[in-house]
Structure formats: structure tokens, C-alpha cells
PDB file of all heavy atoms in Angstrom:
ATOM      1  N   VAL A   1       5.211  83.736 124.556  1.00  0.00           N
ATOM      2  CA  VAL A   1       6.124  84.761 124.027  1.00  0.00           C
ATOM      3  C   VAL A   1       7.384  84.870 124.877  1.00  0.00           C
ATOM      4  O   VAL A   1       8.472  85.125 124.349  1.00  0.00           O
ATOM      5  CB  VAL A   1       5.394  86.122 123.955  1.00  0.00           C
ATOM      6  CG1 VAL A   1       6.355  87.273 123.907  1.00  0.00           C
ATOM      7  CG2 VAL A   1       4.466  86.166 122.759  1.00  0.00           C
ATOM      8  N   ARG A   2       7.252  84.644 126.186  1.00  0.00           N
ATOM      9  CA  ARG A   2       8.415  84.776 127.075  1.00  0.00           C
ATOM     10  C   ARG A   2       9.481  83.772 126.660  1.00  0.00           C
ATOM     11  O   ARG A   2       9.265  82.584 126.691  1.00  0.00           O
ATOM     12  CB  ARG A   2       8.000  84.537 128.521  1.00  0.00           C
ATOM     13  CG  ARG A   2       7.149  85.654 129.062  1.00  0.00           C
ATOM     14  CD  ARG A   2       6.905  85.509 130.559  1.00  0.00           C
ATOM     15  NE  ARG A   2       6.199  86.673 131.041  1.00  0.00           N
ATOM     16  CZ  ARG A   2       4.930  86.678 131.431  1.00  0.00           C
ATOM     17  NH1 ARG A   2       4.239  85.559 131.426  1.00  0.00           N
ATOM     18  NH2 ARG A   2       4.383  87.781 131.852  1.00  0.00           N
ATOM     19  N   GLY A   3      10.607  84.281 126.241  1.00  0.00           N
ATOM     20  CA  GLY A   3      11.719  83.430 125.855  1.00  0.00           C
ATOM     21  C   GLY A   3      11.654  82.910 124.423  1.00  0.00           C
ATOM     22  O   GLY A   3      12.533  82.186 123.992  1.00  0.00           O
ATOM     23  N   ASP A   4      10.641  83.263 123.662  1.00  0.00           N
ATOM     24  CA  ASP A   4      10.543  82.819 122.271  1.00  0.00           C
ATOM     25  C   ASP A   4      10.653  84.044 121.371  1.00  0.00           C
ATOM     26  O   ASP A   4       9.661  84.647 120.976  1.00  0.00           O
ATOM     27  CB  ASP A   4       9.227  82.093 122.031  1.00  0.00           C
ATOM     28  CG  ASP A   4       9.138  81.451 120.644  1.00  0.00           C
ATOM     29  OD1 ASP A   4       9.908  81.842 119.738  1.00  0.00           O
ATOM     30  OD2 ASP A   4       8.279  80.572 120.456  1.00  0.00           O
ATOM     31  N   GLY A   5      11.891  84.411 121.065  1.00  0.00           N
ATOM     32  CA  GLY A   5      12.147  85.600 120.257  1.00  0.00           C
ATOM     33  C   GLY A   5      11.521  85.535 118.879  1.00  0.00           C
ATOM     34  O   GLY A   5      11.066  86.551 118.347  1.00  0.00           O
ATOM     35  N   GLU A   6      11.455  84.349 118.302  1.00  0.00           N
ATOM     36  CA  GLU A   6      10.856  84.207 116.973  1.00  0.00           C
ATOM     37  C   GLU A   6       9.360  84.547 117.017  1.00  0.00           C
ATOM     38  O   GLU A   6       8.856  85.302 116.185  1.00  0.00           O
ATOM     39  CB  GLU A   6      11.045  82.782 116.457  1.00  0.00           C
ATOM     40  CG  GLU A   6      10.453  82.592 115.059  1.00  0.00           C
ATOM     41  CD  GLU A   6      10.536  81.155 114.590  1.00  0.00           C
ATOM     42  OE1 GLU A   6      11.344  80.374 115.135  1.00  0.00           O
ATOM     43  OE2 GLU A   6       9.795  80.810 113.653  1.00  0.00           O
ATOM     44  N   LEU A   7       8.653  84.002 117.999  1.00  0.00           N
ATOM     45  CA  LEU A   7       7.218  84.284 118.132  1.00  0.00           C
ATOM     46  C   LEU A   7       6.999  85.756 118.431  1.00  0.00           C
ATOM     47  O   LEU A   7       6.127  86.396 117.836  1.00  0.00           O
ATOM     48  CB  LEU A   7       6.592  83.416 119.214  1.00  0.00           C
ATOM     49  CG  LEU A   7       5.120  83.667 119.524  1.00  0.00           C
ATOM     50  CD1 LEU A   7       4.254  83.477 118.275  1.00  0.00           C
ATOM     51  CD2 LEU A   7       4.653  82.759 120.657  1.00  0.00           C
ATOM     52  N   ALA A   8       7.795  86.330 119.332  1.00  0.00           N
ATOM     53  CA  ALA A   8       7.658  87.748 119.669  1.00  0.00           C
ATOM     54  C   ALA A   8       7.897  88.610 118.427  1.00  0.00           C
ATOM     55  O   ALA A   8       7.155  89.574 118.171  1.00  0.00           O
ATOM     56  CB  ALA A   8       8.646  88.118 120.779  1.00  0.00           C
ATOM     57  N   GLY A   9       8.901  88.269 117.637  1.00  0.00           N
ATOM     58  CA  GLY A   9       9.188  89.014 116.411  1.00  0.00           C
ATOM     59  C   GLY A   9       8.056  88.906 115.412  1.00  0.00           C
ATOM     60  O   GLY A   9       7.694  89.901 114.752  1.00  0.00           O
ATOM     61  N   ARG A  10       7.494  87.705 115.257  1.00  0.00           N
ATOM     62  CA  ARG A  10       6.369  87.532 114.331  1.00  0.00           C
ATOM     63  C   ARG A  10       5.160  88.362 114.775  1.00  0.00           C
ATOM     64  O   ARG A  10       4.460  88.929 113.932  1.00  0.00           O
ATOM     65  CB  ARG A  10       5.975  86.060 114.234  1.00  0.00           C
ATOM     66  CG  ARG A  10       6.907  85.251 113.395  1.00  0.00           C
ATOM     67  CD  ARG A  10       6.362  83.899 112.989  1.00  0.00           C
ATOM     68  NE  ARG A  10       5.340  83.367 113.851  1.00  0.00           N
ATOM     69  CZ  ARG A  10       5.417  82.216 114.517  1.00  0.00           C
ATOM     70  NH1 ARG A  10       6.494  81.481 114.423  1.00  0.00           N
ATOM     71  NH2 ARG A  10       4.433  81.791 115.263  1.00  0.00           N
ATOM     72  N   LEU A  11       4.935  88.430 116.069  1.00  0.00           N
ATOM     73  CA  LEU A  11       3.824  89.244 116.562  1.00  0.00           C
ATOM     74  C   LEU A  11       4.010  90.715 116.174  1.00  0.00           C
ATOM     75  O   LEU A  11       3.084  91.353 115.673  1.00  0.00           O
ATOM     76  CB  LEU A  11       3.694  89.146 118.076  1.00  0.00           C
ATOM     77  CG  LEU A  11       2.854  88.015 118.613  1.00  0.00           C
ATOM     78  CD1 LEU A  11       2.931  87.994 120.148  1.00  0.00           C
ATOM     79  CD2 LEU A  11       1.416  88.126 118.168  1.00  0.00           C
ATOM     80  N   THR A  12       5.213  91.234 116.405  1.00  0.00           N
ATOM     81  CA  THR A  12       5.428  92.658 116.122  1.00  0.00           C
ATOM     82  C   THR A  12       5.378  92.962 114.642  1.00  0.00           C
ATOM     83  O   THR A  12       5.024  94.075 114.253  1.00  0.00           O
ATOM     84  CB  THR A  12       6.763  93.161 116.714  1.00  0.00           C
ATOM     85  OG1 THR A  12       7.845  92.479 116.083  1.00  0.00           O
ATOM     86  CG2 THR A  12       6.809  92.972 118.207  1.00  0.00           C
ATOM     87  N   LYS A  13       5.743  91.993 113.805  1.00  0.00           N
ATOM     88  CA  LYS A  13       5.747  92.214 112.355  1.00  0.00           C
ATOM     89  C   LYS A  13       4.405  91.947 111.704  1.00  0.00           C
ATOM     90  O   LYS A  13       4.010  92.618 110.757  1.00  0.00           O
ATOM     91  CB  LYS A  13       6.816  91.331 111.688  1.00  0.00           C
ATOM     92  CG  LYS A  13       8.221  91.789 111.970  1.00  0.00           C
ATOM     93  CD  LYS A  13       9.223  90.883 111.312  1.00  0.00           C
ATOM     94  CE  LYS A  13      10.623  91.343 111.654  1.00  0.00           C
ATOM     95  NZ  LYS A  13      11.624  90.375 111.262  1.00  0.00           N
ATOM     96  N   ASN A  14       3.693  90.924 112.163  1.00  0.00           N
ATOM     97  CA  ASN A  14       2.511  90.456 111.441  1.00  0.00           C
ATOM     98  C   ASN A  14       1.178  90.692 112.133  1.00  0.00           C
ATOM     99  O   ASN A  14       0.132  90.510 111.509  1.00  0.00           O
ATOM    100  CB  ASN A  14       2.646  88.950 111.165  1.00  0.00           C
ATOM    101  CG  ASN A  14       3.875  88.640 110.361  1.00  0.00           C
ATOM    102  OD1 ASN A  14       4.262  89.383 109.497  1.00  0.00           O
ATOM    103  ND2 ASN A  14       4.518  87.525 110.677  1.00  0.00           N
ATOM    104  N   ALA A  15       1.194  91.062 113.406  1.00  0.00           N
ATOM    105  CA  ALA A  15      -0.071  91.206 114.128  1.00  0.00           C
ATOM    106  C   ALA A  15      -0.366  92.674 114.394  1.00  0.00           C
ATOM    107  O   ALA A  15       0.546  93.499 114.495  1.00  0.00           O
ATOM    108  CB  ALA A  15       0.002  90.453 115.463  1.00  0.00           C
ATOM    109  N   ARG A  16      -1.624  92.972 114.502  1.00  0.00           N
ATOM    110  CA  ARG A  16      -2.072  94.270 114.971  1.00  0.00           C
ATOM    111  C   ARG A  16      -3.160  93.985 116.001  1.00  0.00           C
ATOM    112  O   ARG A  16      -4.147  93.334 115.712  1.00  0.00           O
ATOM    113  CB  ARG A  16      -2.650  95.159 113.859  1.00  0.00           C
ATOM    114  CG  ARG A  16      -1.634  95.628 112.839  1.00  0.00           C
ATOM    115  CD  ARG A  16      -0.551  96.514 113.476  1.00  0.00           C
ATOM    116  NE  ARG A  16       0.562  96.716 112.585  1.00  0.00           N
ATOM    117  CZ  ARG A  16       1.661  95.982 112.565  1.00  0.00           C
ATOM    118  NH1 ARG A  16       1.811  94.990 113.388  1.00  0.00           N
ATOM    119  NH2 ARG A  16       2.640  96.244 111.734  1.00  0.00           N
ATOM    120  N   VAL A  17      -2.910  94.468 117.213  1.00  0.00           N
ATOM    121  CA  VAL A  17      -3.869  94.278 118.290  1.00  0.00           C
ATOM    122  C   VAL A  17      -4.513  95.629 118.571  1.00  0.00           C
ATOM    123  O   VAL A  17      -3.822  96.585 118.914  1.00  0.00           O
ATOM    124  CB  VAL A  17      -3.187  93.738 119.569  1.00  0.00           C
ATOM    125  CG1 VAL A  17      -4.177  93.631 120.712  1.00  0.00           C
ATOM    126  CG2 VAL A  17      -2.527  92.392 119.278  1.00  0.00           C
ATOM    127  N   PHE A  18      -5.810  95.693 118.389  1.00  0.00           N
ATOM    128  CA  PHE A  18      -6.557  96.906 118.690  1.00  0.00           C
ATOM    129  C   PHE A  18      -7.236  96.701 120.038  1.00  0.00           C
ATOM    130  O   PHE A  18      -7.893  95.678 120.247  1.00  0.00           O
ATOM    131  CB  PHE A  18      -7.637  97.153 117.623  1.00  0.00           C
ATOM    132  CG  PHE A  18      -7.093  97.556 116.288  1.00  0.00           C
ATOM    133  CD1 PHE A  18      -6.547  96.615 115.425  1.00  0.00           C
ATOM    134  CD2 PHE A  18      -7.113  98.881 115.889  1.00  0.00           C
ATOM    135  CE1 PHE A  18      -6.049  96.976 114.185  1.00  0.00           C
ATOM    136  CE2 PHE A  18      -6.618  99.266 114.660  1.00  0.00           C
ATOM    137  CZ  PHE A  18      -6.080  98.314 113.796  1.00  0.00           C
ATOM    138  N   VAL A  19      -7.088  97.640 120.931  1.00  0.00           N
ATOM    139  CA  VAL A  19      -7.707  97.520 122.251  1.00  0.00           C
ATOM    140  C   VAL A  19      -8.184  98.886 122.706  1.00  0.00           C
ATOM    141  O   VAL A  19      -7.499  99.901 122.530  1.00  0.00           O
ATOM    142  CB  VAL A  19      -6.724  96.893 123.268  1.00  0.00           C
ATOM    143  CG1 VAL A  19      -5.525  97.783 123.514  1.00  0.00           C
ATOM    144  CG2 VAL A  19      -7.428  96.537 124.566  1.00  0.00           C
ATOM    145  N   GLY A  20      -9.383  98.891 123.245  1.00  0.00           N
ATOM    146  CA  GLY A  20      -9.925 100.112 123.822  1.00  0.00           C
ATOM    147  C   GLY A  20      -9.430 100.282 125.237  1.00  0.00           C
ATOM    148  O   GLY A  20      -9.413  99.337 126.010  1.00  0.00           O
ATOM    149  N   GLU A  21      -9.009 101.485 125.578  1.00  0.00           N
ATOM    150  CA  GLU A  21      -8.517 101.737 126.941  1.00  0.00           C
ATOM    151  C   GLU A  21      -9.644 101.590 127.971  1.00  0.00           C
ATOM    152  O   GLU A  21      -9.370 101.426 129.147  1.00  0.00           O
ATOM    153  CB  GLU A  21      -7.885 103.120 127.024  1.00  0.00           C
ATOM    154  CG  GLU A  21      -6.531 103.187 126.358  1.00  0.00           C
ATOM    155  CD  GLU A  21      -5.507 102.269 127.010  1.00  0.00           C
ATOM    156  OE1 GLU A  21      -5.414 102.218 128.242  1.00  0.00           O
ATOM    157  OE2 GLU A  21      -4.790 101.584 126.262  1.00  0.00           O
ATOM    158  N   ASN A  22     -10.893 101.649 127.538  1.00  0.00           N
ATOM    159  CA  ASN A  22     -12.024 101.516 128.448  1.00  0.00           C
ATOM    160  C   ASN A  22     -12.730 100.169 128.272  1.00  0.00           C
ATOM    161  O   ASN A  22     -13.927 100.057 128.493  1.00  0.00           O
ATOM    162  CB  ASN A  22     -13.032 102.648 128.219  1.00  0.00           C
ATOM    163  CG  ASN A  22     -12.446 104.004 128.559  1.00  0.00           C
ATOM    164  OD1 ASN A  22     -11.469 104.113 129.271  1.00  0.00           O
ATOM    165  ND2 ASN A  22     -13.053 105.042 128.035  1.00  0.00           N
ATOM    166  N   ASP A  23     -11.982  99.171 127.879  1.00  0.00           N
ATOM    167  CA  ASP A  23     -12.569  97.842 127.659  1.00  0.00           C
ATOM    168  C   ASP A  23     -13.287  97.378 128.923  1.00  0.00           C
ATOM    169  O   ASP A  23     -12.695  97.390 130.008  1.00  0.00           O
ATOM    170  CB  ASP A  23     -11.498  96.835 127.278  1.00  0.00           C
ATOM    171  CG  ASP A  23     -12.083  95.525 126.833  1.00  0.00           C
ATOM    172  OD1 ASP A  23     -12.506  94.737 127.696  1.00  0.00           O
ATOM    173  OD2 ASP A  23     -12.147  95.301 125.625  1.00  0.00           O
ATOM    174  N   GLU A  24     -14.527  96.983 128.764  1.00  0.00           N
ATOM    175  CA  GLU A  24     -15.347  96.640 129.929  1.00  0.00           C
ATOM    176  C   GLU A  24     -14.884  95.369 130.642  1.00  0.00           C
ATOM    177  O   GLU A  24     -15.210  95.127 131.779  1.00  0.00           O
ATOM    178  CB  GLU A  24     -16.830  96.521 129.548  1.00  0.00           C
ATOM    179  CG  GLU A  24     -17.155  95.407 128.593  1.00  0.00           C
ATOM    180  CD  GLU A  24     -16.962  95.770 127.127  1.00  0.00           C
ATOM    181  OE1 GLU A  24     -16.421  96.846 126.821  1.00  0.00           O
ATOM    182  OE2 GLU A  24     -17.346  94.948 126.285  1.00  0.00           O
ATOM    183  N   ARG A  25     -14.076  94.552 129.983  1.00  0.00           N
ATOM    184  CA  ARG A  25     -13.565  93.315 130.590  1.00  0.00           C
ATOM    185  C   ARG A  25     -12.089  93.429 130.971  1.00  0.00           C
ATOM    186  O   ARG A  25     -11.454  92.425 131.221  1.00  0.00           O
ATOM    187  CB  ARG A  25     -13.738  92.144 129.623  1.00  0.00           C
ATOM    188  CG  ARG A  25     -15.154  91.786 129.343  1.00  0.00           C
ATOM    189  CD  ARG A  25     -15.651  90.892 130.415  1.00  0.00           C
ATOM    190  NE  ARG A  25     -17.005  90.466 130.094  1.00  0.00           N
ATOM    191  CZ  ARG A  25     -17.782  89.906 130.966  1.00  0.00           C
ATOM    192  NH1 ARG A  25     -17.354  89.691 132.184  1.00  0.00           N
ATOM    193  NH2 ARG A  25     -18.991  89.563 130.644  1.00  0.00           N
ATOM    194  N   TYR A  26     -11.541  94.658 130.972  1.00  0.00           N
ATOM    195  CA  TYR A  26     -10.155  94.896 131.358  1.00  0.00           C
ATOM    196  C   TYR A  26      -9.163  94.184 130.431  1.00  0.00           C
ATOM    197  O   TYR A  26      -8.050  93.894 130.815  1.00  0.00           O
ATOM    198  CB  TYR A  26      -9.889  94.459 132.811  1.00  0.00           C
ATOM    199  CG  TYR A  26     -10.732  95.203 133.819  1.00  0.00           C
ATOM    200  CD1 TYR A  26     -11.948  94.704 134.238  1.00  0.00           C
ATOM    201  CD2 TYR A  26     -10.300  96.415 134.358  1.00  0.00           C
ATOM    202  CE1 TYR A  26     -12.730  95.379 135.175  1.00  0.00           C
ATOM    203  CE2 TYR A  26     -11.056  97.086 135.294  1.00  0.00           C
ATOM    204  CZ  TYR A  26     -12.274  96.570 135.691  1.00  0.00           C
ATOM    205  OH  TYR A  26     -13.030  97.247 136.607  1.00  0.00           O
ATOM    206  N   ARG A  27      -9.560  93.932 129.179  1.00  0.00           N
ATOM    207  CA  ARG A  27      -8.635  93.286 128.237  1.00  0.00           C
ATOM    208  C   ARG A  27      -7.421  94.168 127.955  1.00  0.00           C
ATOM    209  O   ARG A  27      -6.369  93.671 127.594  1.00  0.00           O
ATOM    210  CB  ARG A  27      -9.374  92.920 126.939  1.00  0.00           C
ATOM    211  CG  ARG A  27     -10.239  91.693 127.082  1.00  0.00           C
ATOM    212  CD  ARG A  27     -10.993  91.416 125.814  1.00  0.00           C
ATOM    213  NE  ARG A  27     -12.162  92.248 125.740  1.00  0.00           N
ATOM    214  CZ  ARG A  27     -13.421  91.792 125.850  1.00  0.00           C
ATOM    215  NH1 ARG A  27     -13.635  90.527 126.029  1.00  0.00           N
ATOM    216  NH2 ARG A  27     -14.428  92.606 125.776  1.00  0.00           N
ATOM    217  N   ASN A  28      -7.571  95.466 128.124  1.00  0.00           N
ATOM    218  CA  ASN A  28      -6.462  96.376 127.938  1.00  0.00           C
ATOM    219  C   ASN A  28      -5.306  96.023 128.885  1.00  0.00           C
ATOM    220  O   ASN A  28      -4.137  96.186 128.529  1.00  0.00           O
ATOM    221  CB  ASN A  28      -6.879  97.843 128.107  1.00  0.00           C
ATOM    222  CG  ASN A  28      -7.576  98.104 129.421  1.00  0.00           C
ATOM    223  OD1 ASN A  28      -8.498  97.385 129.814  1.00  0.00           O
ATOM    224  ND2 ASN A  28      -7.169  99.149 130.107  1.00  0.00           N
ATOM    225  N   LEU A  29      -5.608  95.498 130.058  1.00  0.00           N
ATOM    226  CA  LEU A  29      -4.550  95.096 130.982  1.00  0.00           C
ATOM    227  C   LEU A  29      -3.844  93.839 130.476  1.00  0.00           C
ATOM    228  O   LEU A  29      -2.618  93.730 130.579  1.00  0.00           O
ATOM    229  CB  LEU A  29      -5.138  94.847 132.383  1.00  0.00           C
ATOM    230  CG  LEU A  29      -5.868  96.035 133.009  1.00  0.00           C
ATOM    231  CD1 LEU A  29      -6.406  95.651 134.380  1.00  0.00           C
ATOM    232  CD2 LEU A  29      -4.986  97.262 133.097  1.00  0.00           C
TER     233      LEU A  29
END
């Protein structure tokens, strides 16, 4: 994503990332 505005834009438009703040594997970080 760093430096790829097209990919970053597609993520914000087409993706939804659900994450628990208490994720046991620290995926929230």
C-alpha cells in the first residue's frame, strides 16, 4: 500500500476489515 495510491484507494472503497480490539494475536496492531 505504501506509495500505491490506487491500491490504497481500492482498499478504502471495496474492503471492510473487522477487527476486535482484544484480538488474542494482536492483529488489531
